[in-house]
Amino acid sequence: MGSDLADRGEAALRAVDQLLRDRPVKDGPDFSAAIAALSHLRDALIARHRDGAGELERLGRLNAVLTVVIAGHYPLGKVPWAQIEAARGSLATLLTELAAG
């Protein structure tokens, strides 16, 4: 995994971890930080795909993680913490795969 992609991946994981630690009721800076960090990681993965790395499947998985976090930021009811925890696991798996090449 390239240095920029690794840095963005670590930042995204830290942001999601912070979100899970703080568990705000909704609409707060932790959600905004996690969404921004995940979006920056997605931008780097898109660039890698455009360079020929063929990352569509991984982009789809990352978009799913981002979607779950956005759903928590603007919930129709209670914040879906179990789904956000599952998305965090998916993100960690994705980052491990990217690091392995």
PDB file of N, CA and C in Angstrom:
ATOM      1  N   MET A   1       0.865  -1.170   0.000  1.00  0.00           N
ATOM      2  CA  MET A   1       0.000   0.000   0.000  1.00  0.00           C
ATOM      3  C   MET A   1       0.907   1.227   0.000  1.00  0.00           C
ATOM      4  N   GLY A   2       0.578   2.200  -0.851  1.00  0.00           N
ATOM      5  CA  GLY A   2       1.367   3.415  -0.908  1.00  0.00           C
ATOM      6  C   GLY A   2       1.303   4.188   0.389  1.00  0.00           C
ATOM      7  N   SER A   3       2.302   5.025   0.610  1.00  0.00           N
ATOM      8  CA  SER A   3       2.386   5.780   1.856  1.00  0.00           C
ATOM      9  C   SER A   3       1.165   6.673   2.071  1.00  0.00           C
ATOM     10  N   ASP A   4       0.725   7.370   1.025  1.00  0.00           N
ATOM     11  CA  ASP A   4      -0.431   8.250   1.137  1.00  0.00           C
ATOM     12  C   ASP A   4      -1.680   7.442   1.470  1.00  0.00           C
ATOM     13  N   LEU A   5      -1.855   6.323   0.792  1.00  0.00           N
ATOM     14  CA  LEU A   5      -3.007   5.469   1.043  1.00  0.00           C
ATOM     15  C   LEU A   5      -2.957   4.894   2.456  1.00  0.00           C
ATOM     16  N   ALA A   6      -1.780   4.482   2.887  1.00  0.00           N
ATOM     17  CA  ALA A   6      -1.622   3.947   4.248  1.00  0.00           C
ATOM     18  C   ALA A   6      -1.924   5.020   5.292  1.00  0.00           C
ATOM     19  N   ASP A   7      -1.406   6.219   5.080  1.00  0.00           N
ATOM     20  CA  ASP A   7      -1.659   7.313   6.020  1.00  0.00           C
ATOM     21  C   ASP A   7      -3.147   7.637   6.111  1.00  0.00           C
ATOM     22  N   ARG A   8      -3.794   7.678   4.959  1.00  0.00           N
ATOM     23  CA  ARG A   8      -5.227   7.977   4.954  1.00  0.00           C
ATOM     24  C   ARG A   8      -6.027   6.839   5.592  1.00  0.00           C
ATOM     25  N   GLY A   9      -5.587   5.617   5.356  1.00  0.00           N
ATOM     26  CA  GLY A   9      -6.258   4.468   5.965  1.00  0.00           C
ATOM     27  C   GLY A   9      -6.146   4.490   7.475  1.00  0.00           C
ATOM     28  N   GLU A  10      -4.956   4.773   7.972  1.00  0.00           N
ATOM     29  CA  GLU A  10      -4.752   4.861   9.429  1.00  0.00           C
ATOM     30  C   GLU A  10      -5.580   5.992  10.026  1.00  0.00           C
ATOM     31  N   ALA A  11      -5.625   7.123   9.336  1.00  0.00           N
ATOM     32  CA  ALA A  11      -6.409   8.261   9.822  1.00  0.00           C
ATOM     33  C   ALA A  11      -7.901   7.917   9.860  1.00  0.00           C
ATOM     34  N   ALA A  12      -8.373   7.221   8.845  1.00  0.00           N
ATOM     35  CA  ALA A  12      -9.787   6.837   8.803  1.00  0.00           C
ATOM     36  C   ALA A  12     -10.116   5.871   9.936  1.00  0.00           C
ATOM     37  N   LEU A  13      -9.258   4.899  10.164  1.00  0.00           N
ATOM     38  CA  LEU A  13      -9.494   3.932  11.235  1.00  0.00           C
ATOM     39  C   LEU A  13      -9.477   4.620  12.603  1.00  0.00           C
ATOM     40  N   ARG A  14      -8.528   5.533  12.805  1.00  0.00           N
ATOM     41  CA  ARG A  14      -8.482   6.289  14.069  1.00  0.00           C
ATOM     42  C   ARG A  14      -9.758   7.107  14.271  1.00  0.00           C
ATOM     43  N   ALA A  15     -10.241   7.720  13.202  1.00  0.00           N
ATOM     44  CA  ALA A  15     -11.443   8.553  13.299  1.00  0.00           C
ATOM     45  C   ALA A  15     -12.675   7.707  13.636  1.00  0.00           C
ATOM     46  N   VAL A  16     -12.786   6.543  13.026  1.00  0.00           N
ATOM     47  CA  VAL A  16     -13.913   5.663  13.334  1.00  0.00           C
ATOM     48  C   VAL A  16     -13.783   5.130  14.763  1.00  0.00           C
ATOM     49  N   ASP A  17     -12.576   4.801  15.169  1.00  0.00           N
ATOM     50  CA  ASP A  17     -12.362   4.356  16.553  1.00  0.00           C
ATOM     51  C   ASP A  17     -12.757   5.446  17.550  1.00  0.00           C
ATOM     52  N   GLN A  18     -12.399   6.688  17.264  1.00  0.00           N
ATOM     53  CA  GLN A  18     -12.774   7.806  18.138  1.00  0.00           C
ATOM     54  C   GLN A  18     -14.288   7.946  18.199  1.00  0.00           C
ATOM     55  N   LEU A  19     -14.926   7.819  17.069  1.00  0.00           N
ATOM     56  CA  LEU A  19     -16.381   7.881  17.007  1.00  0.00           C
ATOM     57  C   LEU A  19     -16.997   6.805  17.895  1.00  0.00           C
ATOM     58  N   LEU A  20     -16.463   5.604  17.815  1.00  0.00           N
ATOM     59  CA  LEU A  20     -16.996   4.501  18.620  1.00  0.00           C
ATOM     60  C   LEU A  20     -16.708   4.687  20.110  1.00  0.00           C
ATOM     61  N   ARG A  21     -15.590   5.315  20.430  1.00  0.00           N
ATOM     62  CA  ARG A  21     -15.292   5.589  21.846  1.00  0.00           C
ATOM     63  C   ARG A  21     -16.245   6.633  22.423  1.00  0.00           C
ATOM     64  N   ASP A  22     -16.470   7.708  21.666  1.00  0.00           N
ATOM     65  CA  ASP A  22     -17.275   8.831  22.163  1.00  0.00           C
ATOM     66  C   ASP A  22     -18.778   8.580  22.068  1.00  0.00           C
ATOM     67  N   ARG A  23     -19.183   7.848  21.041  1.00  0.00           N
ATOM     68  CA  ARG A  23     -20.600   7.530  20.819  1.00  0.00           C
ATOM     69  C   ARG A  23     -21.529   8.737  21.022  1.00  0.00           C
ATOM     70  N   PRO A  24     -21.343   9.777  20.218  1.00  0.00           N
ATOM     71  CA  PRO A  24     -22.234  10.936  20.351  1.00  0.00           C
ATOM     72  C   PRO A  24     -23.669  10.546  19.979  1.00  0.00           C
ATOM     73  N   VAL A  25     -24.625  11.286  20.489  1.00  0.00           N
ATOM     74  CA  VAL A  25     -26.032  10.996  20.213  1.00  0.00           C
ATOM     75  C   VAL A  25     -26.279  11.067  18.709  1.00  0.00           C
ATOM     76  N   LYS A  26     -25.812  12.076  18.058  1.00  0.00           N
ATOM     77  CA  LYS A  26     -25.838  12.232  16.606  1.00  0.00           C
ATOM     78  C   LYS A  26     -25.173  13.550  16.262  1.00  0.00           C
ATOM     79  N   ASP A  27     -25.100  13.831  14.987  1.00  0.00           N
ATOM     80  CA  ASP A  27     -24.604  15.090  14.454  1.00  0.00           C
ATOM     81  C   ASP A  27     -23.573  15.798  15.335  1.00  0.00           C
ATOM     82  N   GLY A  28     -22.347  15.342  15.259  1.00  0.00           N
ATOM     83  CA  GLY A  28     -21.288  15.971  16.028  1.00  0.00           C
ATOM     84  C   GLY A  28     -19.971  15.912  15.292  1.00  0.00           C
ATOM     85  N   PRO A  29     -18.945  16.481  15.879  1.00  0.00           N
ATOM     86  CA  PRO A  29     -17.650  16.538  15.195  1.00  0.00           C
ATOM     87  C   PRO A  29     -17.020  15.164  14.986  1.00  0.00           C
ATOM     88  N   ASP A  30     -17.321  14.188  15.835  1.00  0.00           N
ATOM     89  CA  ASP A  30     -16.743  12.851  15.627  1.00  0.00           C
ATOM     90  C   ASP A  30     -17.251  12.227  14.329  1.00  0.00           C
ATOM     91  N   PHE A  31     -18.550  12.390  14.069  1.00  0.00           N
ATOM     92  CA  PHE A  31     -19.095  11.875  12.813  1.00  0.00           C
ATOM     93  C   PHE A  31     -18.483  12.612  11.628  1.00  0.00           C
ATOM     94  N   SER A  32     -18.393  13.930  11.725  1.00  0.00           N
ATOM     95  CA  SER A  32     -17.829  14.722  10.627  1.00  0.00           C
ATOM     96  C   SER A  32     -16.383  14.323  10.352  1.00  0.00           C
ATOM     97  N   ALA A  33     -15.603  14.118  11.403  1.00  0.00           N
ATOM     98  CA  ALA A  33     -14.197  13.731  11.241  1.00  0.00           C
ATOM     99  C   ALA A  33     -14.076  12.357  10.598  1.00  0.00           C
ATOM    100  N   ALA A  34     -14.919  11.419  11.026  1.00  0.00           N
ATOM    101  CA  ALA A  34     -14.860  10.068  10.453  1.00  0.00           C
ATOM    102  C   ALA A  34     -15.260  10.091   8.983  1.00  0.00           C
ATOM    103  N   ILE A  35     -16.301  10.833   8.659  1.00  0.00           N
ATOM    104  CA  ILE A  35     -16.750  10.912   7.264  1.00  0.00           C
ATOM    105  C   ILE A  35     -15.680  11.564   6.396  1.00  0.00           C
ATOM    106  N   ALA A  36     -15.064  12.618   6.892  1.00  0.00           N
ATOM    107  CA  ALA A  36     -13.998  13.281   6.124  1.00  0.00           C
ATOM    108  C   ALA A  36     -12.814  12.343   5.914  1.00  0.00           C
ATOM    109  N   ALA A  37     -12.403  11.647   6.957  1.00  0.00           N
ATOM    110  CA  ALA A  37     -11.255  10.737   6.842  1.00  0.00           C
ATOM    111  C   ALA A  37     -11.558   9.590   5.879  1.00  0.00           C
ATOM    112  N   LEU A  38     -12.764   9.034   5.959  1.00  0.00           N
ATOM    113  CA  LEU A  38     -13.144   7.963   5.032  1.00  0.00           C
ATOM    114  C   LEU A  38     -13.207   8.477   3.595  1.00  0.00           C
ATOM    115  N   SER A  39     -13.671   9.704   3.420  1.00  0.00           N
ATOM    116  CA  SER A  39     -13.732  10.302   2.082  1.00  0.00           C
ATOM    117  C   SER A  39     -12.344  10.526   1.509  1.00  0.00           C
ATOM    118  N   HIS A  40     -11.396  10.945   2.335  1.00  0.00           N
ATOM    119  CA  HIS A  40     -10.016  11.131   1.871  1.00  0.00           C
ATOM    120  C   HIS A  40      -9.402   9.789   1.472  1.00  0.00           C
ATOM    121  N   LEU A  41      -9.689   8.749   2.241  1.00  0.00           N
ATOM    122  CA  LEU A  41      -9.213   7.414   1.887  1.00  0.00           C
ATOM    123  C   LEU A  41      -9.832   6.974   0.566  1.00  0.00           C
ATOM    124  N   ARG A  42     -11.112   7.227   0.408  1.00  0.00           N
ATOM    125  CA  ARG A  42     -11.774   6.866  -0.850  1.00  0.00           C
ATOM    126  C   ARG A  42     -11.146   7.605  -2.023  1.00  0.00           C
ATOM    127  N   ASP A  43     -10.828   8.888  -1.855  1.00  0.00           N
ATOM    128  CA  ASP A  43     -10.172   9.646  -2.929  1.00  0.00           C
ATOM    129  C   ASP A  43      -8.851   8.997  -3.327  1.00  0.00           C
ATOM    130  N   ALA A  44      -8.077   8.553  -2.347  1.00  0.00           N
ATOM    131  CA  ALA A  44      -6.792   7.905  -2.638  1.00  0.00           C
ATOM    132  C   ALA A  44      -6.998   6.570  -3.338  1.00  0.00           C
ATOM    133  N   LEU A  45      -8.024   5.832  -2.941  1.00  0.00           N
ATOM    134  CA  LEU A  45      -8.298   4.549  -3.577  1.00  0.00           C
ATOM    135  C   LEU A  45      -8.808   4.753  -5.004  1.00  0.00           C
ATOM    136  N   ILE A  46      -9.585   5.801  -5.219  1.00  0.00           N
ATOM    137  CA  ILE A  46     -10.030   6.137  -6.579  1.00  0.00           C
ATOM    138  C   ILE A  46      -8.824   6.462  -7.455  1.00  0.00           C
ATOM    139  N   ALA A  47      -7.898   7.240  -6.931  1.00  0.00           N
ATOM    140  CA  ALA A  47      -6.691   7.586  -7.701  1.00  0.00           C
ATOM    141  C   ALA A  47      -5.899   6.333  -8.042  1.00  0.00           C
ATOM    142  N   ARG A  48      -5.792   5.433  -7.098  1.00  0.00           N
ATOM    143  CA  ARG A  48      -5.085   4.167  -7.338  1.00  0.00           C
ATOM    144  C   ARG A  48      -5.793   3.361  -8.420  1.00  0.00           C
ATOM    145  N   HIS A  49      -7.107   3.342  -8.380  1.00  0.00           N
ATOM    146  CA  HIS A  49      -7.870   2.628  -9.405  1.00  0.00           C
ATOM    147  C   HIS A  49      -7.635   3.252 -10.785  1.00  0.00           C
ATOM    148  N   ARG A  50      -7.655   4.567 -10.821  1.00  0.00           N
ATOM    149  CA  ARG A  50      -7.439   5.265 -12.104  1.00  0.00           C
ATOM    150  C   ARG A  50      -6.045   5.015 -12.662  1.00  0.00           C
ATOM    151  N   ASP A  51      -5.098   4.719 -11.765  1.00  0.00           N
ATOM    152  CA  ASP A  51      -3.739   4.409 -12.197  1.00  0.00           C
ATOM    153  C   ASP A  51      -3.594   2.963 -12.660  1.00  0.00           C
ATOM    154  N   GLY A  52      -4.709   2.228 -12.658  1.00  0.00           N
ATOM    155  CA  GLY A  52      -4.691   0.874 -13.192  1.00  0.00           C
ATOM    156  C   GLY A  52      -4.645  -0.241 -12.165  1.00  0.00           C
ATOM    157  N   ALA A  53      -4.853   0.079 -10.899  1.00  0.00           N
ATOM    158  CA  ALA A  53      -4.754  -0.957  -9.869  1.00  0.00           C
ATOM    159  C   ALA A  53      -6.008  -1.824  -9.775  1.00  0.00           C
ATOM    160  N   GLY A  54      -7.086  -1.448 -10.444  1.00  0.00           N
ATOM    161  CA  GLY A  54      -8.289  -2.260 -10.439  1.00  0.00           C
ATOM    162  C   GLY A  54      -8.901  -2.427  -9.065  1.00  0.00           C
ATOM    163  N   GLU A  55      -9.308  -1.340  -8.468  1.00  0.00           N
ATOM    164  CA  GLU A  55      -9.788  -1.337  -7.085  1.00  0.00           C
ATOM    165  C   GLU A  55     -11.302  -1.206  -6.952  1.00  0.00           C
ATOM    166  N   LEU A  56     -12.071  -1.561  -7.968  1.00  0.00           N
ATOM    167  CA  LEU A  56     -13.519  -1.360  -7.895  1.00  0.00           C
ATOM    168  C   LEU A  56     -14.172  -2.128  -6.752  1.00  0.00           C
ATOM    169  N   GLU A  57     -13.771  -3.362  -6.538  1.00  0.00           N
ATOM    170  CA  GLU A  57     -14.374  -4.158  -5.464  1.00  0.00           C
ATOM    171  C   GLU A  57     -14.078  -3.532  -4.107  1.00  0.00           C
ATOM    172  N   ARG A  58     -12.843  -3.113  -3.909  1.00  0.00           N
ATOM    173  CA  ARG A  58     -12.478  -2.474  -2.642  1.00  0.00           C
ATOM    174  C   ARG A  58     -13.153  -1.122  -2.483  1.00  0.00           C
ATOM    175  N   LEU A  59     -13.298  -0.397  -3.570  1.00  0.00           N
ATOM    176  CA  LEU A  59     -14.022   0.875  -3.508  1.00  0.00           C
ATOM    177  C   LEU A  59     -15.471   0.652  -3.088  1.00  0.00           C
ATOM    178  N   GLY A  60     -16.081  -0.386  -3.591  1.00  0.00           N
ATOM    179  CA  GLY A  60     -17.441  -0.708  -3.195  1.00  0.00           C
ATOM    180  C   GLY A  60     -17.550  -1.000  -1.713  1.00  0.00           C
ATOM    181  N   ARG A  61     -16.588  -1.730  -1.194  1.00  0.00           N
ATOM    182  CA  ARG A  61     -16.581  -2.048   0.236  1.00  0.00           C
ATOM    183  C   ARG A  61     -16.351  -0.798   1.079  1.00  0.00           C
ATOM    184  N   LEU A  62     -15.450   0.063   0.627  1.00  0.00           N
ATOM    185  CA  LEU A  62     -15.201   1.306   1.357  1.00  0.00           C
ATOM    186  C   LEU A  62     -16.426   2.211   1.310  1.00  0.00           C
ATOM    187  N   ASN A  63     -17.091   2.265   0.170  1.00  0.00           N
ATOM    188  CA  ASN A  63     -18.316   3.059   0.072  1.00  0.00           C
ATOM    189  C   ASN A  63     -19.389   2.537   1.030  1.00  0.00           C
ATOM    190  N   ALA A  64     -19.438   1.227   1.228  1.00  0.00           N
ATOM    191  CA  ALA A  64     -20.402   0.654   2.175  1.00  0.00           C
ATOM    192  C   ALA A  64     -20.086   1.125   3.594  1.00  0.00           C
ATOM    193  N   VAL A  65     -18.813   1.148   3.961  1.00  0.00           N
ATOM    194  CA  VAL A  65     -18.407   1.639   5.282  1.00  0.00           C
ATOM    195  C   VAL A  65     -18.810   3.106   5.430  1.00  0.00           C
ATOM    196  N   LEU A  66     -18.519   3.887   4.427  1.00  0.00           N
ATOM    197  CA  LEU A  66     -18.854   5.317   4.454  1.00  0.00           C
ATOM    198  C   LEU A  66     -20.367   5.521   4.579  1.00  0.00           C
ATOM    199  N   THR A  67     -21.130   4.736   3.865  1.00  0.00           N
ATOM    200  CA  THR A  67     -22.585   4.841   3.916  1.00  0.00           C
ATOM    201  C   THR A  67     -23.113   4.568   5.318  1.00  0.00           C
ATOM    202  N   VAL A  68     -22.571   3.559   5.991  1.00  0.00           N
ATOM    203  CA  VAL A  68     -23.013   3.230   7.345  1.00  0.00           C
ATOM    204  C   VAL A  68     -22.695   4.371   8.310  1.00  0.00           C
ATOM    205  N   VAL A  69     -21.515   4.949   8.178  1.00  0.00           N
ATOM    206  CA  VAL A  69     -21.147   6.060   9.070  1.00  0.00           C
ATOM    207  C   VAL A  69     -22.027   7.280   8.794  1.00  0.00           C
ATOM    208  N   ILE A  70     -22.313   7.558   7.550  1.00  0.00           N
ATOM    209  CA  ILE A  70     -23.211   8.670   7.216  1.00  0.00           C
ATOM    210  C   ILE A  70     -24.607   8.410   7.788  1.00  0.00           C
ATOM    211  N   ALA A  71     -25.068   7.163   7.717  1.00  0.00           N
ATOM    212  CA  ALA A  71     -26.379   6.816   8.277  1.00  0.00           C
ATOM    213  C   ALA A  71     -26.414   7.060   9.788  1.00  0.00           C
ATOM    214  N   GLY A  72     -25.289   6.858  10.457  1.00  0.00           N
ATOM    215  CA  GLY A  72     -25.224   7.146  11.886  1.00  0.00           C
ATOM    216  C   GLY A  72     -25.217   8.631  12.180  1.00  0.00           C
ATOM    217  N   HIS A  73     -24.633   9.384  11.269  1.00  0.00           N
ATOM    218  CA  HIS A  73     -24.561  10.837  11.437  1.00  0.00           C
ATOM    219  C   HIS A  73     -25.949  11.468  11.332  1.00  0.00           C
ATOM    220  N   TYR A  74     -26.771  10.910  10.486  1.00  0.00           N
ATOM    221  CA  TYR A  74     -28.119  11.422  10.255  1.00  0.00           C
ATOM    222  C   TYR A  74     -29.135  10.292  10.434  1.00  0.00           C
ATOM    223  N   PRO A  75     -29.245   9.744  11.640  1.00  0.00           N
ATOM    224  CA  PRO A  75     -30.134   8.587  11.826  1.00  0.00           C
ATOM    225  C   PRO A  75     -31.614   8.975  11.816  1.00  0.00           C
ATOM    226  N   LEU A  76     -32.421   8.036  11.355  1.00  0.00           N
ATOM    227  CA  LEU A  76     -33.868   8.229  11.426  1.00  0.00           C
ATOM    228  C   LEU A  76     -34.376   7.919  12.833  1.00  0.00           C
ATOM    229  N   GLY A  77     -33.620   7.127  13.561  1.00  0.00           N
ATOM    230  CA  GLY A  77     -33.948   6.781  14.939  1.00  0.00           C
ATOM    231  C   GLY A  77     -32.675   6.845  15.757  1.00  0.00           C
ATOM    232  N   LYS A  78     -32.405   5.761  16.456  1.00  0.00           N
ATOM    233  CA  LYS A  78     -31.174   5.684  17.237  1.00  0.00           C
ATOM    234  C   LYS A  78     -29.972   5.465  16.318  1.00  0.00           C
ATOM    235  N   VAL A  79     -28.823   5.892  16.770  1.00  0.00           N
ATOM    236  CA  VAL A  79     -27.587   5.683  16.008  1.00  0.00           C
ATOM    237  C   VAL A  79     -27.324   4.173  15.926  1.00  0.00           C
ATOM    238  N   PRO A  80     -27.067   3.649  14.736  1.00  0.00           N
ATOM    239  CA  PRO A  80     -26.860   2.208  14.555  1.00  0.00           C
ATOM    240  C   PRO A  80     -25.442   1.766  14.933  1.00  0.00           C
ATOM    241  N   TRP A  81     -25.156   1.767  16.241  1.00  0.00           N
ATOM    242  CA  TRP A  81     -23.787   1.486  16.694  1.00  0.00           C
ATOM    243  C   TRP A  81     -23.301   0.103  16.295  1.00  0.00           C
ATOM    244  N   ALA A  82     -24.167  -0.898  16.332  1.00  0.00           N
ATOM    245  CA  ALA A  82     -23.739  -2.250  15.952  1.00  0.00           C
ATOM    246  C   ALA A  82     -23.281  -2.283  14.494  1.00  0.00           C
ATOM    247  N   GLN A  83     -23.989  -1.576  13.638  1.00  0.00           N
ATOM    248  CA  GLN A  83     -23.605  -1.525  12.222  1.00  0.00           C
ATOM    249  C   GLN A  83     -22.318  -0.727  12.033  1.00  0.00           C
ATOM    250  N   ILE A  84     -22.139   0.321  12.814  1.00  0.00           N
ATOM    251  CA  ILE A  84     -20.902   1.101  12.719  1.00  0.00           C
ATOM    252  C   ILE A  84     -19.719   0.260  13.204  1.00  0.00           C
ATOM    253  N   GLU A  85     -19.922  -0.521  14.257  1.00  0.00           N
ATOM    254  CA  GLU A  85     -18.857  -1.421  14.721  1.00  0.00           C
ATOM    255  C   GLU A  85     -18.508  -2.451  13.647  1.00  0.00           C
ATOM    256  N   ALA A  86     -19.528  -2.997  12.984  1.00  0.00           N
ATOM    257  CA  ALA A  86     -19.289  -3.954  11.901  1.00  0.00           C
ATOM    258  C   ALA A  86     -18.556  -3.283  10.736  1.00  0.00           C
ATOM    259  N   ALA A  87     -18.934  -2.051  10.434  1.00  0.00           N
ATOM    260  CA  ALA A  87     -18.264  -1.303   9.361  1.00  0.00           C
ATOM    261  C   ALA A  87     -16.809  -1.046   9.719  1.00  0.00           C
ATOM    262  N   ARG A  88     -16.539  -0.800  10.995  1.00  0.00           N
ATOM    263  CA  ARG A  88     -15.160  -0.600  11.449  1.00  0.00           C
ATOM    264  C   ARG A  88     -14.338  -1.870  11.201  1.00  0.00           C
ATOM    265  N   GLY A  89     -14.943  -3.019  11.468  1.00  0.00           N
ATOM    266  CA  GLY A  89     -14.267  -4.290  11.195  1.00  0.00           C
ATOM    267  C   GLY A  89     -13.993  -4.478   9.714  1.00  0.00           C
ATOM    268  N   SER A  90     -14.952  -4.117   8.885  1.00  0.00           N
ATOM    269  CA  SER A  90     -14.766  -4.197   7.434  1.00  0.00           C
ATOM    270  C   SER A  90     -13.645  -3.276   6.974  1.00  0.00           C
ATOM    271  N   LEU A  91     -13.596  -2.085   7.555  1.00  0.00           N
ATOM    272  CA  LEU A  91     -12.532  -1.137   7.218  1.00  0.00           C
ATOM    273  C   LEU A  91     -11.177  -1.700   7.603  1.00  0.00           C
ATOM    274  N   ALA A  92     -11.064  -2.271   8.797  1.00  0.00           N
ATOM    275  CA  ALA A  92      -9.802  -2.837   9.243  1.00  0.00           C
ATOM    276  C   ALA A  92      -9.360  -3.967   8.328  1.00  0.00           C
ATOM    277  N   THR A  93     -10.285  -4.811   7.918  1.00  0.00           N
ATOM    278  CA  THR A  93      -9.969  -5.904   6.983  1.00  0.00           C
ATOM    279  C   THR A  93      -9.495  -5.343   5.647  1.00  0.00           C
ATOM    280  N   LEU A  94     -10.189  -4.342   5.158  1.00  0.00           N
ATOM    281  CA  LEU A  94      -9.809  -3.713   3.895  1.00  0.00           C
ATOM    282  C   LEU A  94      -8.390  -3.141   3.969  1.00  0.00           C
ATOM    283  N   LEU A  95      -8.080  -2.469   5.069  1.00  0.00           N
ATOM    284  CA  LEU A  95      -6.743  -1.888   5.220  1.00  0.00           C
ATOM    285  C   LEU A  95      -5.667  -2.959   5.301  1.00  0.00           C
ATOM    286  N   THR A  96      -5.979  -4.076   5.948  1.00  0.00           N
ATOM    287  CA  THR A  96      -5.029  -5.197   6.010  1.00  0.00           C
ATOM    288  C   THR A  96      -4.776  -5.741   4.615  1.00  0.00           C
ATOM    289  N   GLU A  97      -5.831  -5.878   3.826  1.00  0.00           N
ATOM    290  CA  GLU A  97      -5.684  -6.359   2.451  1.00  0.00           C
ATOM    291  C   GLU A  97      -4.855  -5.395   1.607  1.00  0.00           C
ATOM    292  N   LEU A  98      -5.121  -4.114   1.756  1.00  0.00           N
ATOM    293  CA  LEU A  98      -4.369  -3.113   0.995  1.00  0.00           C
ATOM    294  C   LEU A  98      -2.891  -3.137   1.373  1.00  0.00           C
ATOM    295  N   ALA A  99      -2.611  -3.323   2.656  1.00  0.00           N
ATOM    296  CA  ALA A  99      -1.217  -3.370   3.115  1.00  0.00           C
ATOM    297  C   ALA A  99      -0.493  -4.598   2.576  1.00  0.00           C
ATOM    298  N   ALA A 100      -1.245  -5.684   2.417  1.00  0.00           N
ATOM    299  CA  ALA A 100      -0.641  -6.933   1.922  1.00  0.00           C
ATOM    300  C   ALA A 100      -0.387  -6.879   0.410  1.00  0.00           C
ATOM    301  N   GLY A 101      -1.050  -5.926  -0.240  1.00  0.00           N
ATOM    302  CA  GLY A 101      -0.813  -5.779  -1.675  1.00  0.00           C
ATOM    303  C   GLY A 101      -1.876  -6.286  -2.498  1.00  0.00           C
TER     304      GLY A 101
END
